[in-house]
């Protein structure tokens, strides 16, 4: 893909991201929670998730 704007025009990719990203974030929160609170390290892990290839 030559331009990042093309990513947002690819409906198949957009739907895939909409489906997977919230689930990955939820798993991260569960894994990073201690005594019912989410630690700051969850943000770092979310950043890593958002950089993963689809």
C-alpha atoms as a PDB file:
ATOM      1  CA  UNK A   1       0.000   0.000   0.000  1.00  0.00           C
ATOM      2  CA  UNK A   2       1.497   3.251  -1.098  1.00  0.00           C
ATOM      3  CA  UNK A   3      -0.554   5.555   1.104  1.00  0.00           C
ATOM      4  CA  UNK A   4      -1.838   5.090   4.654  1.00  0.00           C
ATOM      5  CA  UNK A   5      -5.218   6.522   3.602  1.00  0.00           C
ATOM      6  CA  UNK A   6      -5.721   3.400   1.491  1.00  0.00           C
ATOM      7  CA  UNK A   7      -5.956   1.385   4.704  1.00  0.00           C
ATOM      8  CA  UNK A   8      -9.150   3.177   5.662  1.00  0.00           C
ATOM      9  CA  UNK A   9     -10.686   2.468   2.265  1.00  0.00           C
ATOM     10  CA  UNK A  10     -10.114  -1.276   2.561  1.00  0.00           C
ATOM     11  CA  UNK A  11     -13.420  -2.342   4.133  1.00  0.00           C
ATOM     12  CA  UNK A  12     -12.268  -5.903   4.748  1.00  0.00           C
ATOM     13  CA  UNK A  13      -9.288  -4.674   6.758  1.00  0.00           C
ATOM     14  CA  UNK A  14     -11.375  -2.093   8.643  1.00  0.00           C
ATOM     15  CA  UNK A  15     -13.895  -4.760   9.689  1.00  0.00           C
ATOM     16  CA  UNK A  16     -11.104  -7.083  10.783  1.00  0.00           C
ATOM     17  CA  UNK A  17      -9.594  -4.368  12.958  1.00  0.00           C
ATOM     18  CA  UNK A  18     -12.979  -3.425  14.440  1.00  0.00           C
ATOM     19  CA  UNK A  19     -13.535  -7.060  15.380  1.00  0.00           C
ATOM     20  CA  UNK A  20     -10.115  -7.969  16.758  1.00  0.00           C
ATOM     21  CA  UNK A  21      -8.800  -4.826  18.440  1.00  0.00           C
ATOM     22  CA  UNK A  22     -11.426  -4.538  21.210  1.00  0.00           C
ATOM     23  CA  UNK A  23     -10.967  -8.219  22.068  1.00  0.00           C
ATOM     24  CA  UNK A  24      -7.205  -7.842  22.275  1.00  0.00           C
ATOM     25  CA  UNK A  25      -7.554  -4.773  24.490  1.00  0.00           C
ATOM     26  CA  UNK A  26      -9.950  -6.641  26.758  1.00  0.00           C
ATOM     27  CA  UNK A  27      -7.517  -9.542  27.113  1.00  0.00           C
ATOM     28  CA  UNK A  28      -4.783  -7.030  27.947  1.00  0.00           C
ATOM     29  CA  UNK A  29      -6.872  -5.450  30.694  1.00  0.00           C
ATOM     30  CA  UNK A  30      -7.641  -8.830  32.212  1.00  0.00           C
ATOM     31  CA  UNK A  31      -3.981  -9.862  32.141  1.00  0.00           C
ATOM     32  CA  UNK A  32      -2.747  -6.536  33.549  1.00  0.00           C
ATOM     33  CA  UNK A  33      -5.332  -6.071  36.302  1.00  0.00           C
ATOM     34  CA  UNK A  34      -4.313  -6.456  39.909  1.00  0.00           C
ATOM     35  CA  UNK A  35      -6.954  -6.315  42.642  1.00  0.00           C
ATOM     36  CA  UNK A  36      -9.495  -4.961  40.156  1.00  0.00           C
ATOM     37  CA  UNK A  37      -7.299  -2.121  38.891  1.00  0.00           C
ATOM     38  CA  UNK A  38      -5.490  -1.872  35.590  1.00  0.00           C
ATOM     39  CA  UNK A  39      -1.849  -0.827  35.856  1.00  0.00           C
ATOM     40  CA  UNK A  40       0.036   1.605  33.663  1.00  0.00           C
ATOM     41  CA  UNK A  41       1.799  -1.246  31.872  1.00  0.00           C
ATOM     42  CA  UNK A  42      -1.501  -2.057  30.150  1.00  0.00           C
ATOM     43  CA  UNK A  43      -1.097   1.104  28.049  1.00  0.00           C
ATOM     44  CA  UNK A  44       2.306  -0.044  26.844  1.00  0.00           C
ATOM     45  CA  UNK A  45       0.910  -3.425  25.919  1.00  0.00           C
ATOM     46  CA  UNK A  46      -2.018  -1.802  24.075  1.00  0.00           C
ATOM     47  CA  UNK A  47       0.488   0.198  22.043  1.00  0.00           C
ATOM     48  CA  UNK A  48       2.301  -2.994  21.102  1.00  0.00           C
ATOM     49  CA  UNK A  49      -0.979  -4.640  20.091  1.00  0.00           C
ATOM     50  CA  UNK A  50      -1.918  -1.745  17.832  1.00  0.00           C
ATOM     51  CA  UNK A  51       1.395  -2.164  15.985  1.00  0.00           C
ATOM     52  CA  UNK A  52       0.856  -5.874  15.269  1.00  0.00           C
ATOM     53  CA  UNK A  53       0.174  -6.813  11.647  1.00  0.00           C
ATOM     54  CA  UNK A  54      -3.399  -7.858  10.977  1.00  0.00           C
END
